[in-house]
Amino acid sequence: MSSGSDKTPTPSVANVSYTAPTYREDPVDTEVKRKFRGKGASEYYDPCQDAATRSIQCLNRNFGDREMCSDYFQAYRDCKKKWIEERKEDRKKGTGFFARS
């Protein structure tokens, strides 16, 4: 018979640091604008594809647990929001991505 003192101590996770993911590319930086302007008319270009890929990879790693990947989803939404806002402003001004050449 064993006494209750044979238990293996449970490791503490309180000291683990965590940094929320952010998207790597700024959806409105000059390199992204260059790629967007250089694409063909029928080609699709998503400057937030990196954030989208990371969120899918997170889901795969965590067996579809969306709660575990909420930071990745938020990073994608932030990227997409910034991209859409920039496009709307450019349309209003008639400059940037959508300027007529």
PDB file of N, CA and C in Angstrom:
ATOM      1  N   MET A   1       0.833  -1.190   0.000  1.00  0.00           N
ATOM      2  CA  MET A   1       0.000   0.000   0.000  1.00  0.00           C
ATOM      3  C   MET A   1       0.867   1.238   0.000  1.00  0.00           C
ATOM      4  N   SER A   2       0.428   2.176  -0.728  1.00  0.00           N
ATOM      5  CA  SER A   2       1.209   3.403  -0.784  1.00  0.00           C
ATOM      6  C   SER A   2       0.481   4.501  -0.036  1.00  0.00           C
ATOM      7  N   SER A   3       1.260   5.386   0.509  1.00  0.00           N
ATOM      8  CA  SER A   3       0.672   6.531   1.204  1.00  0.00           C
ATOM      9  C   SER A   3       0.396   7.631   0.204  1.00  0.00           C
ATOM     10  N   GLY A   4      -0.312   8.646   0.586  1.00  0.00           N
ATOM     11  CA  GLY A   4      -0.664   9.754  -0.285  1.00  0.00           C
ATOM     12  C   GLY A   4       0.514  10.631  -0.652  1.00  0.00           C
ATOM     13  N   SER A   5       1.694  10.372  -0.075  1.00  0.00           N
ATOM     14  CA  SER A   5       2.851  11.229  -0.341  1.00  0.00           C
ATOM     15  C   SER A   5       3.604  10.834  -1.611  1.00  0.00           C
ATOM     16  N   ASP A   6       3.169   9.796  -2.332  1.00  0.00           N
ATOM     17  CA  ASP A   6       3.848   9.333  -3.535  1.00  0.00           C
ATOM     18  C   ASP A   6       3.452  10.133  -4.783  1.00  0.00           C
ATOM     19  N   LYS A   7       2.593  11.080  -4.647  1.00  0.00           N
ATOM     20  CA  LYS A   7       2.081  11.821  -5.802  1.00  0.00           C
ATOM     21  C   LYS A   7       3.180  12.672  -6.441  1.00  0.00           C
ATOM     22  N   THR A   8       3.178  12.696  -7.754  1.00  0.00           N
ATOM     23  CA  THR A   8       4.110  13.529  -8.508  1.00  0.00           C
ATOM     24  C   THR A   8       3.581  14.958  -8.498  1.00  0.00           C
ATOM     25  N   PRO A   9       4.447  15.934  -8.209  1.00  0.00           N
ATOM     26  CA  PRO A   9       3.960  17.321  -8.182  1.00  0.00           C
ATOM     27  C   PRO A   9       3.517  17.775  -9.565  1.00  0.00           C
ATOM     28  N   THR A  10       2.456  18.515  -9.600  1.00  0.00           N
ATOM     29  CA  THR A  10       1.941  19.059 -10.851  1.00  0.00           C
ATOM     30  C   THR A  10       2.732  20.316 -11.196  1.00  0.00           C
ATOM     31  N   PRO A  11       3.252  20.415 -12.421  1.00  0.00           N
ATOM     32  CA  PRO A  11       4.013  21.624 -12.790  1.00  0.00           C
ATOM     33  C   PRO A  11       3.112  22.852 -12.809  1.00  0.00           C
ATOM     34  N   SER A  12       3.661  23.956 -12.399  1.00  0.00           N
ATOM     35  CA  SER A  12       2.917  25.207 -12.377  1.00  0.00           C
ATOM     36  C   SER A  12       3.045  25.896 -13.727  1.00  0.00           C
ATOM     37  N   VAL A  13       1.953  26.449 -14.222  1.00  0.00           N
ATOM     38  CA  VAL A  13       1.978  27.175 -15.485  1.00  0.00           C
ATOM     39  C   VAL A  13       1.744  28.661 -15.271  1.00  0.00           C
ATOM     40  N   ALA A  14       1.780  29.096 -14.034  1.00  0.00           N
ATOM     41  CA  ALA A  14       1.498  30.495 -13.726  1.00  0.00           C
ATOM     42  C   ALA A  14       2.572  31.436 -14.268  1.00  0.00           C
ATOM     43  N   ASN A  15       3.789  30.970 -14.429  1.00  0.00           N
ATOM     44  CA  ASN A  15       4.876  31.842 -14.863  1.00  0.00           C
ATOM     45  C   ASN A  15       5.103  31.838 -16.370  1.00  0.00           C
ATOM     46  N   VAL A  16       4.214  31.219 -17.119  1.00  0.00           N
ATOM     47  CA  VAL A  16       4.347  31.156 -18.571  1.00  0.00           C
ATOM     48  C   VAL A  16       3.876  32.478 -19.161  1.00  0.00           C
ATOM     49  N   SER A  17       4.724  33.090 -19.976  1.00  0.00           N
ATOM     50  CA  SER A  17       4.329  34.355 -20.610  1.00  0.00           C
ATOM     51  C   SER A  17       3.654  34.061 -21.937  1.00  0.00           C
ATOM     52  N   TYR A  18       2.748  34.915 -22.322  1.00  0.00           N
ATOM     53  CA  TYR A  18       1.989  34.731 -23.553  1.00  0.00           C
ATOM     54  C   TYR A  18       1.895  36.057 -24.274  1.00  0.00           C
ATOM     55  N   THR A  19       2.178  36.031 -25.544  1.00  0.00           N
ATOM     56  CA  THR A  19       2.041  37.216 -26.377  1.00  0.00           C
ATOM     57  C   THR A  19       0.972  36.932 -27.422  1.00  0.00           C
ATOM     58  N   ALA A  20      -0.013  37.788 -27.480  1.00  0.00           N
ATOM     59  CA  ALA A  20      -1.091  37.611 -28.457  1.00  0.00           C
ATOM     60  C   ALA A  20      -0.534  37.768 -29.863  1.00  0.00           C
ATOM     61  N   PRO A  21      -1.023  36.977 -30.799  1.00  0.00           N
ATOM     62  CA  PRO A  21      -0.528  37.075 -32.174  1.00  0.00           C
ATOM     63  C   PRO A  21      -0.976  38.378 -32.827  1.00  0.00           C
ATOM     64  N   THR A  22      -0.159  38.852 -33.708  1.00  0.00           N
ATOM     65  CA  THR A  22      -0.514  40.014 -34.515  1.00  0.00           C
ATOM     66  C   THR A  22      -0.230  39.637 -35.962  1.00  0.00           C
ATOM     67  N   TYR A  23      -0.847  40.320 -36.887  1.00  0.00           N
ATOM     68  CA  TYR A  23      -0.548  40.017 -38.273  1.00  0.00           C
ATOM     69  C   TYR A  23       0.802  40.610 -38.616  1.00  0.00           C
ATOM     70  N   ARG A  24       1.526  39.880 -39.425  1.00  0.00           N
ATOM     71  CA  ARG A  24       2.900  40.255 -39.751  1.00  0.00           C
ATOM     72  C   ARG A  24       2.950  41.438 -40.706  1.00  0.00           C
ATOM     73  N   GLU A  25       2.119  41.427 -41.700  1.00  0.00           N
ATOM     74  CA  GLU A  25       2.145  42.495 -42.697  1.00  0.00           C
ATOM     75  C   GLU A  25       1.153  43.584 -42.338  1.00  0.00           C
ATOM     76  N   ASP A  26       1.548  44.802 -42.564  1.00  0.00           N
ATOM     77  CA  ASP A  26       0.619  45.916 -42.447  1.00  0.00           C
ATOM     78  C   ASP A  26      -0.154  45.936 -43.760  1.00  0.00           C
ATOM     79  N   PRO A  27      -1.480  45.832 -43.718  1.00  0.00           N
ATOM     80  CA  PRO A  27      -2.225  45.714 -44.976  1.00  0.00           C
ATOM     81  C   PRO A  27      -2.187  46.956 -45.842  1.00  0.00           C
ATOM     82  N   VAL A  28      -1.604  48.036 -45.369  1.00  0.00           N
ATOM     83  CA  VAL A  28      -1.558  49.246 -46.185  1.00  0.00           C
ATOM     84  C   VAL A  28      -0.137  49.769 -46.372  1.00  0.00           C
ATOM     85  N   ASP A  29       0.888  48.939 -46.119  1.00  0.00           N
ATOM     86  CA  ASP A  29       2.256  49.426 -46.316  1.00  0.00           C
ATOM     87  C   ASP A  29       2.610  49.458 -47.805  1.00  0.00           C
ATOM     88  N   THR A  30       3.714  50.036 -48.149  1.00  0.00           N
ATOM     89  CA  THR A  30       4.067  50.268 -49.556  1.00  0.00           C
ATOM     90  C   THR A  30       4.264  48.972 -50.334  1.00  0.00           C
ATOM     91  N   GLU A  31       4.823  47.931 -49.702  1.00  0.00           N
ATOM     92  CA  GLU A  31       5.041  46.663 -50.396  1.00  0.00           C
ATOM     93  C   GLU A  31       3.705  46.004 -50.750  1.00  0.00           C
ATOM     94  N   VAL A  32       2.754  46.054 -49.833  1.00  0.00           N
ATOM     95  CA  VAL A  32       1.425  45.479 -50.096  1.00  0.00           C
ATOM     96  C   VAL A  32       0.739  46.266 -51.211  1.00  0.00           C
ATOM     97  N   LYS A  33       0.855  47.586 -51.186  1.00  0.00           N
ATOM     98  CA  LYS A  33       0.255  48.405 -52.241  1.00  0.00           C
ATOM     99  C   LYS A  33       0.869  48.079 -53.603  1.00  0.00           C
ATOM    100  N   ARG A  34       2.184  47.859 -53.622  1.00  0.00           N
ATOM    101  CA  ARG A  34       2.860  47.516 -54.869  1.00  0.00           C
ATOM    102  C   ARG A  34       2.337  46.186 -55.407  1.00  0.00           C
ATOM    103  N   LYS A  35       2.191  45.189 -54.520  1.00  0.00           N
ATOM    104  CA  LYS A  35       1.680  43.886 -54.938  1.00  0.00           C
ATOM    105  C   LYS A  35       0.240  43.999 -55.441  1.00  0.00           C
ATOM    106  N   PHE A  36      -0.558  44.808 -54.763  1.00  0.00           N
ATOM    107  CA  PHE A  36      -1.965  44.959 -55.154  1.00  0.00           C
ATOM    108  C   PHE A  36      -2.070  45.617 -56.521  1.00  0.00           C
ATOM    109  N   ARG A  37      -1.291  46.649 -56.754  1.00  0.00           N
ATOM    110  CA  ARG A  37      -1.332  47.343 -58.047  1.00  0.00           C
ATOM    111  C   ARG A  37      -0.793  46.484 -59.172  1.00  0.00           C
ATOM    112  N   GLY A  38       0.150  45.582 -58.857  1.00  0.00           N
ATOM    113  CA  GLY A  38       0.788  44.757 -59.874  1.00  0.00           C
ATOM    114  C   GLY A  38       0.011  43.513 -60.255  1.00  0.00           C
ATOM    115  N   LYS A  39      -1.047  43.214 -59.530  1.00  0.00           N
ATOM    116  CA  LYS A  39      -1.804  42.001 -59.833  1.00  0.00           C
ATOM    117  C   LYS A  39      -2.675  42.212 -61.064  1.00  0.00           C
ATOM    118  N   GLY A  40      -3.050  41.135 -61.715  1.00  0.00           N
ATOM    119  CA  GLY A  40      -3.944  41.210 -62.860  1.00  0.00           C
ATOM    120  C   GLY A  40      -5.362  41.545 -62.422  1.00  0.00           C
ATOM    121  N   ALA A  41      -6.175  42.012 -63.346  1.00  0.00           N
ATOM    122  CA  ALA A  41      -7.546  42.423 -63.030  1.00  0.00           C
ATOM    123  C   ALA A  41      -8.381  41.273 -62.482  1.00  0.00           C
ATOM    124  N   SER A  42      -8.130  40.053 -62.933  1.00  0.00           N
ATOM    125  CA  SER A  42      -8.928  38.917 -62.476  1.00  0.00           C
ATOM    126  C   SER A  42      -8.278  38.176 -61.304  1.00  0.00           C
ATOM    127  N   GLU A  43      -7.122  38.637 -60.859  1.00  0.00           N
ATOM    128  CA  GLU A  43      -6.431  37.976 -59.752  1.00  0.00           C
ATOM    129  C   GLU A  43      -6.936  38.506 -58.419  1.00  0.00           C
ATOM    130  N   TYR A  44      -6.957  37.609 -57.433  1.00  0.00           N
ATOM    131  CA  TYR A  44      -7.374  37.983 -56.079  1.00  0.00           C
ATOM    132  C   TYR A  44      -6.136  38.148 -55.219  1.00  0.00           C
ATOM    133  N   TYR A  45      -6.066  39.210 -54.466  1.00  0.00           N
ATOM    134  CA  TYR A  45      -4.952  39.434 -53.554  1.00  0.00           C
ATOM    135  C   TYR A  45      -5.503  39.832 -52.196  1.00  0.00           C
ATOM    136  N   ASP A  46      -5.125  39.092 -51.175  1.00  0.00           N
ATOM    137  CA  ASP A  46      -5.561  39.368 -49.808  1.00  0.00           C
ATOM    138  C   ASP A  46      -4.341  39.702 -48.963  1.00  0.00           C
ATOM    139  N   PRO A  47      -4.181  40.958 -48.553  1.00  0.00           N
ATOM    140  CA  PRO A  47      -3.023  41.318 -47.749  1.00  0.00           C
ATOM    141  C   PRO A  47      -3.089  40.720 -46.341  1.00  0.00           C
ATOM    142  N   CYS A  48      -4.213  40.166 -45.968  1.00  0.00           N
ATOM    143  CA  CYS A  48      -4.379  39.568 -44.646  1.00  0.00           C
ATOM    144  C   CYS A  48      -4.285  38.044 -44.698  1.00  0.00           C
ATOM    145  N   GLN A  49      -3.785  37.503 -45.785  1.00  0.00           N
ATOM    146  CA  GLN A  49      -3.717  36.058 -45.935  1.00  0.00           C
ATOM    147  C   GLN A  49      -2.848  35.408 -44.859  1.00  0.00           C
ATOM    148  N   ASP A  50      -1.792  36.076 -44.437  1.00  0.00           N
ATOM    149  CA  ASP A  50      -0.922  35.531 -43.392  1.00  0.00           C
ATOM    150  C   ASP A  50      -1.717  35.309 -42.101  1.00  0.00           C
ATOM    151  N   ALA A  51      -2.523  36.291 -41.715  1.00  0.00           N
ATOM    152  CA  ALA A  51      -3.338  36.169 -40.505  1.00  0.00           C
ATOM    153  C   ALA A  51      -4.392  35.082 -40.672  1.00  0.00           C
ATOM    154  N   ALA A  52      -4.969  34.961 -41.855  1.00  0.00           N
ATOM    155  CA  ALA A  52      -5.968  33.919 -42.112  1.00  0.00           C
ATOM    156  C   ALA A  52      -5.339  32.531 -42.009  1.00  0.00           C
ATOM    157  N   THR A  53      -4.168  32.366 -42.577  1.00  0.00           N
ATOM    158  CA  THR A  53      -3.465  31.089 -42.531  1.00  0.00           C
ATOM    159  C   THR A  53      -3.120  30.709 -41.101  1.00  0.00           C
ATOM    160  N   ARG A  54      -2.668  31.680 -40.320  1.00  0.00           N
ATOM    161  CA  ARG A  54      -2.331  31.399 -38.925  1.00  0.00           C
ATOM    162  C   ARG A  54      -3.551  30.981 -38.112  1.00  0.00           C
ATOM    163  N   SER A  55      -4.696  31.575 -38.379  1.00  0.00           N
ATOM    164  CA  SER A  55      -5.891  31.191 -37.628  1.00  0.00           C
ATOM    165  C   SER A  55      -6.322  29.764 -37.986  1.00  0.00           C
ATOM    166  N   ILE A  56      -6.205  29.377 -39.265  1.00  0.00           N
ATOM    167  CA  ILE A  56      -6.528  28.006 -39.677  1.00  0.00           C
ATOM    168  C   ILE A  56      -5.550  27.022 -39.053  1.00  0.00           C
ATOM    169  N   GLN A  57      -4.267  27.367 -39.026  1.00  0.00           N
ATOM    170  CA  GLN A  57      -3.270  26.505 -38.404  1.00  0.00           C
ATOM    171  C   GLN A  57      -3.551  26.332 -36.914  1.00  0.00           C
ATOM    172  N   CYS A  58      -3.995  27.390 -36.263  1.00  0.00           N
ATOM    173  CA  CYS A  58      -4.346  27.314 -34.848  1.00  0.00           C
ATOM    174  C   CYS A  58      -5.508  26.345 -34.637  1.00  0.00           C
ATOM    175  N   LEU A  59      -6.519  26.443 -35.490  1.00  0.00           N
ATOM    176  CA  LEU A  59      -7.650  25.511 -35.387  1.00  0.00           C
ATOM    177  C   LEU A  59      -7.192  24.060 -35.561  1.00  0.00           C
ATOM    178  N   ASN A  60      -6.304  23.835 -36.502  1.00  0.00           N
ATOM    179  CA  ASN A  60      -5.794  22.481 -36.724  1.00  0.00           C
ATOM    180  C   ASN A  60      -5.009  21.977 -35.518  1.00  0.00           C
ATOM    181  N   ARG A  61      -4.193  22.855 -34.938  1.00  0.00           N
ATOM    182  CA  ARG A  61      -3.399  22.477 -33.763  1.00  0.00           C
ATOM    183  C   ARG A  61      -4.265  22.169 -32.549  1.00  0.00           C
ATOM    184  N   ASN A  62      -5.379  22.873 -32.450  1.00  0.00           N
ATOM    185  CA  ASN A  62      -6.229  22.766 -31.264  1.00  0.00           C
ATOM    186  C   ASN A  62      -7.512  21.980 -31.522  1.00  0.00           C
ATOM    187  N   PHE A  63      -7.505  21.136 -32.550  1.00  0.00           N
ATOM    188  CA  PHE A  63      -8.615  20.235 -32.852  1.00  0.00           C
ATOM    189  C   PHE A  63      -9.944  20.967 -32.998  1.00  0.00           C
ATOM    190  N   GLY A  64      -9.899  22.131 -33.630  1.00  0.00           N
ATOM    191  CA  GLY A  64     -11.114  22.879 -33.928  1.00  0.00           C
ATOM    192  C   GLY A  64     -11.670  23.703 -32.779  1.00  0.00           C
ATOM    193  N   ASP A  65     -10.933  23.819 -31.684  1.00  0.00           N
ATOM    194  CA  ASP A  65     -11.408  24.593 -30.529  1.00  0.00           C
ATOM    195  C   ASP A  65     -11.253  26.083 -30.830  1.00  0.00           C
ATOM    196  N   ARG A  66     -12.344  26.722 -31.207  1.00  0.00           N
ATOM    197  CA  ARG A  66     -12.321  28.134 -31.603  1.00  0.00           C
ATOM    198  C   ARG A  66     -11.909  29.047 -30.453  1.00  0.00           C
ATOM    199  N   GLU A  67     -12.253  28.671 -29.252  1.00  0.00           N
ATOM    200  CA  GLU A  67     -11.922  29.498 -28.097  1.00  0.00           C
ATOM    201  C   GLU A  67     -10.407  29.658 -27.932  1.00  0.00           C
ATOM    202  N   MET A  68      -9.655  28.617 -28.249  1.00  0.00           N
ATOM    203  CA  MET A  68      -8.199  28.649 -28.140  1.00  0.00           C
ATOM    204  C   MET A  68      -7.568  29.576 -29.182  1.00  0.00           C
ATOM    205  N   CYS A  69      -8.299  29.880 -30.238  1.00  0.00           N
ATOM    206  CA  CYS A  69      -7.745  30.646 -31.350  1.00  0.00           C
ATOM    207  C   CYS A  69      -8.341  32.041 -31.466  1.00  0.00           C
ATOM    208  N   SER A  70      -9.005  32.510 -30.453  1.00  0.00           N
ATOM    209  CA  SER A  70      -9.704  33.794 -30.539  1.00  0.00           C
ATOM    210  C   SER A  70      -8.752  34.961 -30.837  1.00  0.00           C
ATOM    211  N   ASP A  71      -7.522  34.904 -30.323  1.00  0.00           N
ATOM    212  CA  ASP A  71      -6.557  35.972 -30.609  1.00  0.00           C
ATOM    213  C   ASP A  71      -6.184  35.992 -32.091  1.00  0.00           C
ATOM    214  N   TYR A  72      -6.069  34.822 -32.686  1.00  0.00           N
ATOM    215  CA  TYR A  72      -5.749  34.742 -34.112  1.00  0.00           C
ATOM    216  C   TYR A  72      -6.896  35.284 -34.958  1.00  0.00           C
ATOM    217  N   PHE A  73      -8.122  34.949 -34.559  1.00  0.00           N
ATOM    218  CA  PHE A  73      -9.288  35.470 -35.280  1.00  0.00           C
ATOM    219  C   PHE A  73      -9.352  36.989 -35.175  1.00  0.00           C
ATOM    220  N   GLN A  74      -9.048  37.510 -33.986  1.00  0.00           N
ATOM    221  CA  GLN A  74      -9.080  38.965 -33.787  1.00  0.00           C
ATOM    222  C   GLN A  74      -8.008  39.650 -34.619  1.00  0.00           C
ATOM    223  N   ALA A  75      -6.831  39.053 -34.708  1.00  0.00           N
ATOM    224  CA  ALA A  75      -5.758  39.621 -35.530  1.00  0.00           C
ATOM    225  C   ALA A  75      -6.192  39.699 -36.991  1.00  0.00           C
ATOM    226  N   TYR A  76      -6.888  38.659 -37.475  1.00  0.00           N
ATOM    227  CA  TYR A  76      -7.387  38.664 -38.849  1.00  0.00           C
ATOM    228  C   TYR A  76      -8.445  39.745 -39.037  1.00  0.00           C
ATOM    229  N   ARG A  77      -9.381  39.851 -38.094  1.00  0.00           N
ATOM    230  CA  ARG A  77     -10.427  40.879 -38.202  1.00  0.00           C
ATOM    231  C   ARG A  77      -9.830  42.280 -38.186  1.00  0.00           C
ATOM    232  N   ASP A  78      -8.815  42.504 -37.332  1.00  0.00           N
ATOM    233  CA  ASP A  78      -8.164  43.821 -37.276  1.00  0.00           C
ATOM    234  C   ASP A  78      -7.492  44.151 -38.598  1.00  0.00           C
ATOM    235  N   CYS A  79      -6.814  43.166 -39.165  1.00  0.00           N
ATOM    236  CA  CYS A  79      -6.137  43.370 -40.446  1.00  0.00           C
ATOM    237  C   CYS A  79      -7.149  43.697 -41.530  1.00  0.00           C
ATOM    238  N   LYS A  80      -8.201  42.907 -41.626  1.00  0.00           N
ATOM    239  CA  LYS A  80      -9.211  43.100 -42.657  1.00  0.00           C
ATOM    240  C   LYS A  80      -9.889  44.461 -42.510  1.00  0.00           C
ATOM    241  N   LYS A  81     -10.172  44.850 -41.263  1.00  0.00           N
ATOM    242  CA  LYS A  81     -10.822  46.140 -41.010  1.00  0.00           C
ATOM    243  C   LYS A  81      -9.939  47.292 -41.489  1.00  0.00           C
ATOM    244  N   LYS A  82      -8.649  47.207 -41.184  1.00  0.00           N
ATOM    245  CA  LYS A  82      -7.724  48.265 -41.607  1.00  0.00           C
ATOM    246  C   LYS A  82      -7.644  48.329 -43.134  1.00  0.00           C
ATOM    247  N   TRP A  83      -7.606  47.177 -43.774  1.00  0.00           N
ATOM    248  CA  TRP A  83      -7.525  47.104 -45.227  1.00  0.00           C
ATOM    249  C   TRP A  83      -8.771  47.711 -45.879  1.00  0.00           C
ATOM    250  N   ILE A  84      -9.945  47.348 -45.392  1.00  0.00           N
ATOM    251  CA  ILE A  84     -11.199  47.854 -45.948  1.00  0.00           C
ATOM    252  C   ILE A  84     -11.319  49.362 -45.733  1.00  0.00           C
ATOM    253  N   GLU A  85     -10.952  49.830 -44.552  1.00  0.00           N
ATOM    254  CA  GLU A  85     -11.011  51.271 -44.279  1.00  0.00           C
ATOM    255  C   GLU A  85     -10.100  52.054 -45.216  1.00  0.00           C
ATOM    256  N   GLU A  86      -8.913  51.523 -45.464  1.00  0.00           N
ATOM    257  CA  GLU A  86      -7.973  52.178 -46.380  1.00  0.00           C
ATOM    258  C   GLU A  86      -8.548  52.223 -47.799  1.00  0.00           C
ATOM    259  N   ARG A  87      -9.154  51.144 -48.228  1.00  0.00           N
ATOM    260  CA  ARG A  87      -9.748  51.108 -49.572  1.00  0.00           C
ATOM    261  C   ARG A  87     -10.894  52.109 -49.694  1.00  0.00           C
ATOM    262  N   LYS A  88     -11.719  52.217 -48.658  1.00  0.00           N
ATOM    263  CA  LYS A  88     -12.833  53.175 -48.681  1.00  0.00           C
ATOM    264  C   LYS A  88     -12.316  54.608 -48.768  1.00  0.00           C
ATOM    265  N   GLU A  89     -11.296  54.914 -47.988  1.00  0.00           N
ATOM    266  CA  GLU A  89     -10.713  56.257 -48.027  1.00  0.00           C
ATOM    267  C   GLU A  89     -10.139  56.569 -49.400  1.00  0.00           C
ATOM    268  N   ASP A  90      -9.459  55.600 -49.988  1.00  0.00           N
ATOM    269  CA  ASP A  90      -8.890  55.796 -51.327  1.00  0.00           C
ATOM    270  C   ASP A  90      -9.972  56.048 -52.363  1.00  0.00           C
ATOM    271  N   ARG A  91     -11.079  55.339 -52.253  1.00  0.00           N
ATOM    272  CA  ARG A  91     -12.183  55.554 -53.190  1.00  0.00           C
ATOM    273  C   ARG A  91     -12.745  56.959 -53.057  1.00  0.00           C
ATOM    274  N   LYS A  92     -12.918  57.415 -51.811  1.00  0.00           N
ATOM    275  CA  LYS A  92     -13.456  58.758 -51.575  1.00  0.00           C
ATOM    276  C   LYS A  92     -12.541  59.830 -52.145  1.00  0.00           C
ATOM    277  N   LYS A  93     -11.241  59.653 -51.956  1.00  0.00           N
ATOM    278  CA  LYS A  93     -10.257  60.644 -52.402  1.00  0.00           C
ATOM    279  C   LYS A  93      -9.925  60.506 -53.883  1.00  0.00           C
ATOM    280  N   GLY A  94     -10.153  59.321 -54.433  1.00  0.00           N
ATOM    281  CA  GLY A  94      -9.745  59.076 -55.808  1.00  0.00           C
ATOM    282  C   GLY A  94      -8.243  58.908 -55.923  1.00  0.00           C
ATOM    283  N   THR A  95      -7.630  58.439 -54.843  1.00  0.00           N
ATOM    284  CA  THR A  95      -6.168  58.259 -54.802  1.00  0.00           C
ATOM    285  C   THR A  95      -5.831  56.839 -54.391  1.00  0.00           C
ATOM    286  N   GLY A  96      -4.550  56.596 -54.211  1.00  0.00           N
ATOM    287  CA  GLY A  96      -4.083  55.323 -53.678  1.00  0.00           C
ATOM    288  C   GLY A  96      -4.311  54.170 -54.619  1.00  0.00           C
ATOM    289  N   PHE A  97      -4.815  53.068 -54.075  1.00  0.00           N
ATOM    290  CA  PHE A  97      -5.014  51.841 -54.834  1.00  0.00           C
ATOM    291  C   PHE A  97      -5.904  52.048 -56.060  1.00  0.00           C
ATOM    292  N   PHE A  98      -6.899  52.908 -55.924  1.00  0.00           N
ATOM    293  CA  PHE A  98      -7.938  52.988 -56.926  1.00  0.00           C
ATOM    294  C   PHE A  98      -7.868  54.240 -57.794  1.00  0.00           C
ATOM    295  N   ALA A  99      -6.719  54.873 -57.795  1.00  0.00           N
ATOM    296  CA  ALA A  99      -6.562  56.074 -58.618  1.00  0.00           C
ATOM    297  C   ALA A  99      -6.589  55.675 -60.090  1.00  0.00           C
ATOM    298  N   ARG A 100      -7.269  56.425 -60.877  1.00  0.00           N
ATOM    299  CA  ARG A 100      -7.321  56.177 -62.326  1.00  0.00           C
ATOM    300  C   ARG A 100      -6.011  56.624 -62.943  1.00  0.00           C
ATOM    301  N   SER A 101      -5.429  55.776 -63.777  1.00  0.00           N
ATOM    302  CA  SER A 101      -4.152  56.134 -64.408  1.00  0.00           C
ATOM    303  C   SER A 101      -4.386  56.775 -65.744  1.00  0.00           C
TER     304      SER A 101
END
